[in-house]
Amino acid sequence: MEWYENVVSVCMGIQPGERILLVTDQVLSEQQDILAQTIEACQPGELLRWTLPEDERPLKVAPDHLLEAARTFDAGIQFLGTTSNAEQPYRFSLVQATAEGGKMRFGVGLMIDEAIFQNELSADYEDIAARTYRLRDFLQPRSDVHITSPLGTDLTMNIDDRLVAVDPGVIREPGFYNLPSGECYVAPLEDSANGTLVVDKSFPGILIEKPITLIFEQGRVVDVQGGKEAAQLEAIIADGETKPNGEGCRTIAELGIGTNPAARITGNVMTDEKVMGTIHIAIGHNAVAPYNGQNVAPIHLDGVMGQPTVTVDGDLLIEQGRYLI
């Protein structure tokens, strides 16, 4: 199956008569045409296409007609070949409108290139979905999480009463989802993280050679240690702290578990956080569906680590990257 058939039929499940939103930037205009042709073959009731205007980027908010579509349409796909942290407000505005409407199932991919179309977006999403839902069902009724790794991670947090969300790849319910997909994730209680996190794979835009160590106290990063990559991360955090709600940049936002065996570590969070056998811990913004956390910040930064061992309420879930359910 070609990637575009996988996205339209397996991932999004586009049905005849549905109203569909399709958004890309100019660098993916050819892929937008291919997707549009595939969607039209499904006989939608309406297909609204939009291309981000390059001379207005980075966008700060989606235009009104896109926000209205996010509130009222049945399904949406957005693939961006380029974007930046400065464009997060635009992206958050669409996520928020999708949540407000409660109707559209919205699949979004950032920094998408041909390799992602041919690898992560060509994966077996029925298999990925089954694995992802098993993890969700294990985590949902639980609270105390303990994470360790051979490199020195020793971190605890609490997920009590927080909704465990999924990016299963088979998207049939309203809400915001990543494409490529393959993760189970939850927003820990914002003051609950304590201990040491050693990130050895990536942060957004940062492929890590020397691991980055983050020290958490009562949910906040109080120290960042490492080499040049740690300095890059600290600079991103410090820049975020100069913006509105910057005080939330160092607060824990997410615990995620990758479930996609076709995903690769590339420095792009859209692929990295999906890699099977890894977990990711994010800091920053999570006060939006589907995270449903309480921390507001201008950034959301996922740190991906390998060979995690994860224990939840005393039960072993992952042992050095090997899933036990």
Protein backbone atom coordinates (compact mmCIF):
# COMPACT_ATOMS: atom_id res chain seq x y z
CA MET A 1 0.00 0.00 0.00
CA GLU A 2 1.30 3.46 -0.90
CA TRP A 3 1.80 6.00 1.89
CA TYR A 4 -1.06 8.22 0.71
CA GLU A 5 -3.48 5.29 0.66
CA ASN A 6 -2.29 4.33 4.14
CA VAL A 7 -2.87 7.87 5.45
CA VAL A 8 -6.30 8.37 3.87
CA SER A 9 -7.82 4.90 4.23
CA VAL A 10 -6.09 3.17 7.18
CA CYS A 11 -5.03 6.10 9.37
CA MET A 12 -7.84 8.60 8.81
CA GLY A 13 -10.57 6.25 7.56
CA ILE A 14 -12.06 8.87 5.23
CA GLN A 15 -15.68 8.05 4.37
CA PRO A 16 -18.02 9.22 1.57
CA GLY A 17 -19.85 12.44 2.42
CA GLU A 18 -17.40 13.61 5.07
CA ARG A 19 -16.10 17.18 5.16
CA ILE A 20 -12.29 17.13 5.00
CA LEU A 21 -9.64 19.77 5.75
CA LEU A 22 -6.26 19.37 4.03
CA VAL A 23 -3.38 21.71 4.91
CA THR A 24 0.28 21.72 3.87
CA ASP A 25 3.01 24.27 3.34
CA GLN A 26 4.42 25.06 -0.09
CA VAL A 27 7.30 22.59 0.15
CA LEU A 28 4.72 19.76 0.30
CA SER A 29 2.45 21.08 -2.45
CA GLU A 30 3.04 17.99 -4.60
CA GLN A 31 2.09 15.71 -1.69
CA GLN A 32 -1.00 17.86 -1.07
CA ASP A 33 -2.10 17.19 -4.66
CA ILE A 34 -1.56 13.44 -4.23
CA LEU A 35 -3.53 13.41 -0.97
CA ALA A 36 -6.32 15.49 -2.49
CA GLN A 37 -6.70 13.05 -5.37
CA THR A 38 -6.81 10.13 -2.94
CA ILE A 39 -9.41 11.90 -0.77
CA GLU A 40 -11.54 12.84 -3.79
CA ALA A 41 -11.64 9.15 -4.72
CA CYS A 42 -13.44 8.60 -1.39
CA GLN A 43 -16.22 10.99 -2.53
CA PRO A 44 -16.09 13.51 0.34
CA GLY A 45 -18.94 15.92 0.91
CA GLU A 46 -16.41 18.77 0.90
CA LEU A 47 -12.63 19.08 0.63
CA LEU A 48 -11.11 22.35 1.86
CA ARG A 49 -7.46 22.75 0.81
CA TRP A 50 -5.12 25.41 2.20
CA THR A 51 -1.43 26.15 1.81
CA LEU A 52 0.44 28.20 4.42
CA PRO A 53 1.53 31.54 2.87
CA GLU A 54 5.32 31.56 3.06
CA ASP A 55 5.56 35.37 3.16
CA GLU A 56 3.50 35.44 6.39
CA ARG A 57 5.42 32.77 8.30
CA PRO A 58 5.91 32.06 11.12
CA LEU A 59 2.14 32.24 11.56
CA LYS A 60 0.86 33.20 14.99
CA VAL A 61 -2.72 31.98 14.59
CA ALA A 62 -4.70 30.03 12.00
CA PRO A 63 -7.07 32.09 9.83
CA ASP A 64 -10.71 32.16 10.89
CA HIS A 65 -11.97 29.87 8.13
CA LEU A 66 -9.45 27.18 9.16
CA LEU A 67 -10.43 27.49 12.82
CA GLU A 68 -14.09 27.14 11.86
CA ALA A 69 -13.28 24.05 9.78
CA ALA A 70 -11.38 22.56 12.74
CA ARG A 71 -14.50 23.03 14.88
CA THR A 72 -17.03 21.66 12.38
CA PHE A 73 -15.45 19.31 9.82
CA ASP A 74 -15.26 15.53 10.16
CA ALA A 75 -11.56 14.98 9.49
CA GLY A 76 -8.41 16.99 8.88
CA ILE A 77 -4.85 16.32 7.73
CA GLN A 78 -1.99 18.79 8.12
CA PHE A 79 1.54 18.05 6.93
CA LEU A 80 4.24 20.72 7.22
CA GLY A 81 7.64 20.27 5.63
CA THR A 82 9.10 23.15 7.64
CA THR A 83 8.08 24.86 10.86
CA SER A 84 9.65 26.21 14.06
CA ASN A 85 8.98 26.90 17.72
CA ALA A 86 7.89 30.40 16.66
CA GLU A 87 4.95 28.80 14.84
CA GLN A 88 3.69 26.85 17.85
CA PRO A 89 0.93 29.43 18.57
CA TYR A 90 -0.51 28.78 15.09
CA ARG A 91 -0.42 25.03 15.65
CA PHE A 92 -1.90 25.30 19.15
CA SER A 93 -4.76 27.45 17.78
CA LEU A 94 -5.84 24.60 15.49
CA VAL A 95 -5.53 22.04 18.27
CA GLN A 96 -7.65 24.23 20.54
CA ALA A 97 -10.32 24.75 17.85
CA THR A 98 -10.44 20.99 17.26
CA ALA A 99 -11.01 20.44 20.98
CA GLU A 100 -13.68 23.16 21.12
CA GLY A 101 -15.66 21.63 18.28
CA GLY A 102 -15.32 18.08 19.54
CA LYS A 103 -16.10 16.71 16.08
CA MET A 104 -13.01 16.56 13.88
CA ARG A 105 -10.38 13.85 13.96
CA PHE A 106 -7.21 15.77 13.12
CA GLY A 107 -3.97 14.10 12.01
CA VAL A 108 -0.91 16.38 12.00
CA GLY A 109 2.70 15.87 10.93
CA LEU A 110 5.57 18.35 11.30
CA MET A 111 8.91 18.50 9.47
CA ILE A 112 7.68 15.83 7.09
CA ASP A 113 9.94 14.72 4.24
CA GLU A 114 9.98 11.95 1.65
CA ALA A 115 11.76 9.54 4.00
CA ILE A 116 8.94 9.89 6.55
CA PHE A 117 6.31 9.25 3.86
CA GLN A 118 8.17 6.09 2.80
CA ASN A 119 8.99 4.81 6.32
CA GLU A 120 6.93 5.97 9.30
CA LEU A 121 3.80 6.81 7.27
CA SER A 122 3.96 3.46 5.45
CA ALA A 123 3.93 1.42 8.67
CA ASP A 124 1.40 -1.24 9.70
CA TYR A 125 -0.88 0.94 11.77
CA GLU A 126 -3.32 -1.76 12.73
CA ASP A 127 -0.47 -3.55 14.56
CA ILE A 128 0.74 -0.24 16.06
CA ALA A 129 -2.76 0.63 17.26
CA ALA A 130 -3.20 -2.71 19.03
CA ARG A 131 0.10 -2.26 20.90
CA THR A 132 -0.69 1.35 21.79
CA TYR A 133 -4.10 0.54 23.25
CA ARG A 134 -2.62 -2.27 25.36
CA LEU A 135 -0.25 0.27 26.93
CA ARG A 136 -3.09 2.72 27.54
CA ASP A 137 -5.22 0.09 29.24
CA PHE A 138 -2.29 -0.83 31.50
CA LEU A 139 -1.51 2.78 32.49
CA GLN A 140 -4.96 4.33 32.86
CA PRO A 141 -5.93 3.09 36.34
CA ARG A 142 -2.46 3.63 37.84
CA SER A 143 -0.50 6.39 39.56
CA ASP A 144 3.17 6.01 40.61
CA VAL A 145 5.76 5.80 37.83
CA HIS A 146 9.48 5.03 38.32
CA ILE A 147 11.89 5.28 35.38
CA THR A 148 15.52 4.11 35.31
CA SER A 149 18.10 3.53 32.59
CA PRO A 150 21.68 2.22 32.26
CA LEU A 151 22.92 5.81 31.77
CA GLY A 152 21.67 6.95 35.17
CA THR A 153 18.03 7.95 34.86
CA ASP A 154 16.25 7.61 38.20
CA LEU A 155 13.02 9.59 37.99
CA THR A 156 9.66 9.31 39.73
CA MET A 157 6.34 10.97 38.89
CA ASN A 158 2.61 10.58 39.47
CA ILE A 159 -0.11 10.17 36.81
CA ASP A 160 -3.04 9.65 39.19
CA ASP A 161 -6.41 10.64 37.64
CA ARG A 162 -4.77 11.90 34.44
CA LEU A 163 -6.26 10.75 31.14
CA VAL A 164 -3.88 8.49 29.22
CA ALA A 165 -3.96 9.51 25.55
CA VAL A 166 -2.94 7.61 22.42
CA ASP A 167 -1.63 8.28 18.94
CA PRO A 168 -2.62 4.86 17.60
CA GLY A 169 -2.39 5.52 13.88
CA VAL A 170 -5.94 4.25 13.30
CA ILE A 171 -7.90 7.44 13.94
CA ARG A 172 -11.64 7.08 14.31
CA GLU A 173 -12.52 9.30 17.28
CA PRO A 174 -12.55 13.13 17.34
CA GLY A 175 -9.41 14.81 18.62
CA PHE A 176 -5.83 15.74 17.78
CA TYR A 177 -3.40 13.02 16.69
CA ASN A 178 0.12 12.88 15.32
CA LEU A 179 0.94 11.49 11.89
CA PRO A 180 3.19 9.59 11.83
CA SER A 181 1.69 7.87 14.84
CA GLY A 182 2.70 5.37 17.45
CA GLU A 183 2.74 6.50 21.07
CA CYS A 184 0.87 6.29 24.34
CA TYR A 185 1.25 9.36 26.54
CA VAL A 186 0.04 11.13 29.67
CA ALA A 187 0.54 14.44 31.45
CA PRO A 188 2.02 13.74 34.92
CA LEU A 189 0.92 15.87 37.85
CA GLU A 190 2.87 19.07 37.35
CA ASP A 191 4.60 19.06 40.74
CA SER A 192 5.27 15.31 40.93
CA ALA A 193 8.54 14.70 39.03
CA ASN A 194 11.63 14.21 41.16
CA GLY A 195 15.05 12.82 40.34
CA THR A 196 17.39 12.50 37.39
CA LEU A 197 16.54 12.13 33.70
CA VAL A 198 19.32 11.25 31.22
CA VAL A 199 18.27 11.88 27.61
CA ASP A 200 20.51 10.14 25.09
CA LYS A 201 18.59 10.22 21.79
CA SER A 202 17.17 13.65 20.96
CA PHE A 203 15.29 16.81 21.76
CA PRO A 204 13.46 18.66 18.96
CA GLY A 205 16.13 19.65 16.45
CA ILE A 206 18.94 18.21 18.60
CA LEU A 207 20.51 14.83 17.85
CA ILE A 208 22.41 13.95 21.01
CA GLU A 209 26.01 12.71 21.09
CA LYS A 210 26.76 13.48 24.75
CA PRO A 211 23.72 12.66 26.89
CA ILE A 212 21.83 15.52 28.54
CA THR A 213 21.07 15.22 32.26
CA LEU A 214 18.07 17.06 33.68
CA ILE A 215 17.47 17.29 37.44
CA PHE A 216 13.82 17.56 38.50
CA GLU A 217 12.57 18.85 41.83
CA GLN A 218 8.84 19.08 42.53
CA GLY A 219 8.06 18.89 38.83
CA ARG A 220 10.54 21.49 37.58
CA VAL A 221 13.92 21.22 35.88
CA VAL A 222 16.40 22.86 38.25
CA ASP A 223 19.60 21.92 36.42
CA VAL A 224 20.67 20.92 32.90
CA GLN A 225 24.06 19.18 32.50
CA GLY A 226 26.04 17.89 29.52
CA GLY A 227 27.94 19.16 26.51
CA LYS A 228 27.04 21.32 23.53
CA GLU A 229 23.63 19.69 23.19
CA ALA A 230 22.78 20.60 26.79
CA ALA A 231 23.78 24.19 26.04
CA GLN A 232 21.48 24.17 22.99
CA LEU A 233 18.59 22.91 25.11
CA GLU A 234 19.24 25.47 27.84
CA ALA A 235 19.23 28.24 25.23
CA ILE A 236 15.84 27.11 23.88
CA ILE A 237 14.40 27.02 27.41
CA ALA A 238 15.88 30.41 28.28
CA ASP A 239 14.43 31.95 25.13
CA GLY A 240 11.01 30.52 25.99
CA GLU A 241 11.24 32.04 29.45
CA THR A 242 11.37 35.53 27.90
CA LYS A 243 7.91 35.03 26.38
CA PRO A 244 4.41 35.15 27.92
CA ASN A 245 3.90 32.24 30.33
CA GLY A 246 7.63 31.58 30.18
CA GLU A 247 7.65 30.48 33.81
CA GLY A 248 6.11 27.19 32.66
CA CYS A 249 8.98 26.21 30.36
CA ARG A 250 10.77 24.00 32.94
CA THR A 251 7.72 22.12 34.22
CA ILE A 252 7.16 18.48 33.33
CA ALA A 253 4.51 18.11 30.65
CA GLU A 254 4.42 14.55 29.37
CA LEU A 255 5.47 10.94 29.71
CA GLY A 256 5.25 9.15 26.36
CA ILE A 257 6.04 5.64 25.13
CA GLY A 258 6.89 4.94 21.48
CA THR A 259 5.10 2.07 19.71
CA ASN A 260 6.08 2.32 16.02
CA PRO A 261 8.70 -0.26 14.89
CA ALA A 262 9.18 1.63 11.59
CA ALA A 263 10.12 4.90 13.32
CA ARG A 264 13.72 6.20 13.30
CA ILE A 265 15.80 8.57 15.42
CA THR A 266 16.35 11.55 13.11
CA GLY A 267 16.28 14.64 15.32
CA ASN A 268 12.67 15.23 14.28
CA VAL A 269 10.35 14.79 17.24
CA MET A 270 7.63 13.49 14.91
CA THR A 271 9.67 10.34 14.29
CA ASP A 272 11.86 10.18 17.40
CA GLU A 273 9.09 10.02 20.00
CA LYS A 274 7.41 7.16 18.11
CA VAL A 275 10.43 4.81 18.11
CA MET A 276 9.52 1.52 19.71
CA GLY A 277 11.70 0.76 22.73
CA THR A 278 12.05 4.43 23.72
CA ILE A 279 10.20 6.75 26.04
CA HIS A 280 10.11 10.53 26.06
CA ILE A 281 9.72 13.07 28.82
CA ALA A 282 8.55 16.53 27.79
CA ILE A 283 8.71 19.86 29.57
CA GLY A 284 6.57 22.90 28.88
CA HIS A 285 3.02 23.32 27.60
CA ASN A 286 0.36 20.67 28.25
CA ALA A 287 -2.77 22.72 29.08
CA VAL A 288 -4.53 21.63 25.91
CA ALA A 289 -6.32 18.53 24.69
CA PRO A 290 -5.34 15.77 24.40
CA TYR A 291 -2.74 16.24 27.16
CA ASN A 292 -5.33 17.80 29.48
CA GLY A 293 -2.64 19.06 31.84
CA GLN A 294 -2.51 22.35 33.71
CA ASN A 295 0.83 23.90 32.69
CA VAL A 296 0.88 26.80 30.25
CA ALA A 297 4.11 27.61 28.41
CA PRO A 298 5.23 28.89 25.00
CA ILE A 299 7.21 25.69 24.27
CA HIS A 300 6.82 21.92 24.48
CA LEU A 301 10.10 19.97 24.31
CA ASP A 302 10.26 16.17 24.15
CA GLY A 303 13.43 14.43 25.32
CA VAL A 304 13.76 10.90 23.90
CA MET A 305 15.74 8.26 25.80
CA GLY A 306 16.66 4.66 25.01
CA GLN A 307 16.76 1.45 27.09
CA PRO A 308 14.24 2.65 29.68
CA THR A 309 13.00 0.49 32.51
CA VAL A 310 9.55 1.63 33.62
CA THR A 311 7.75 0.41 36.74
CA VAL A 312 4.18 1.53 37.48
CA ASP A 313 2.67 0.97 40.92
CA GLY A 314 5.37 -1.65 41.48
CA ASP A 315 4.59 -3.59 38.27
CA LEU A 316 7.27 -3.82 35.58
CA LEU A 317 6.00 -2.44 32.25
CA ILE A 318 9.23 -1.95 30.24
CA GLU A 319 12.61 -3.57 30.91
CA GLN A 320 15.51 -1.82 29.17
CA GLY A 321 13.35 -1.03 26.15
CA ARG A 322 11.53 -4.39 26.01
CA TYR A 323 7.76 -4.16 26.46
CA LEU A 324 6.30 -6.76 28.81
CA ILE A 325 2.64 -6.51 27.77
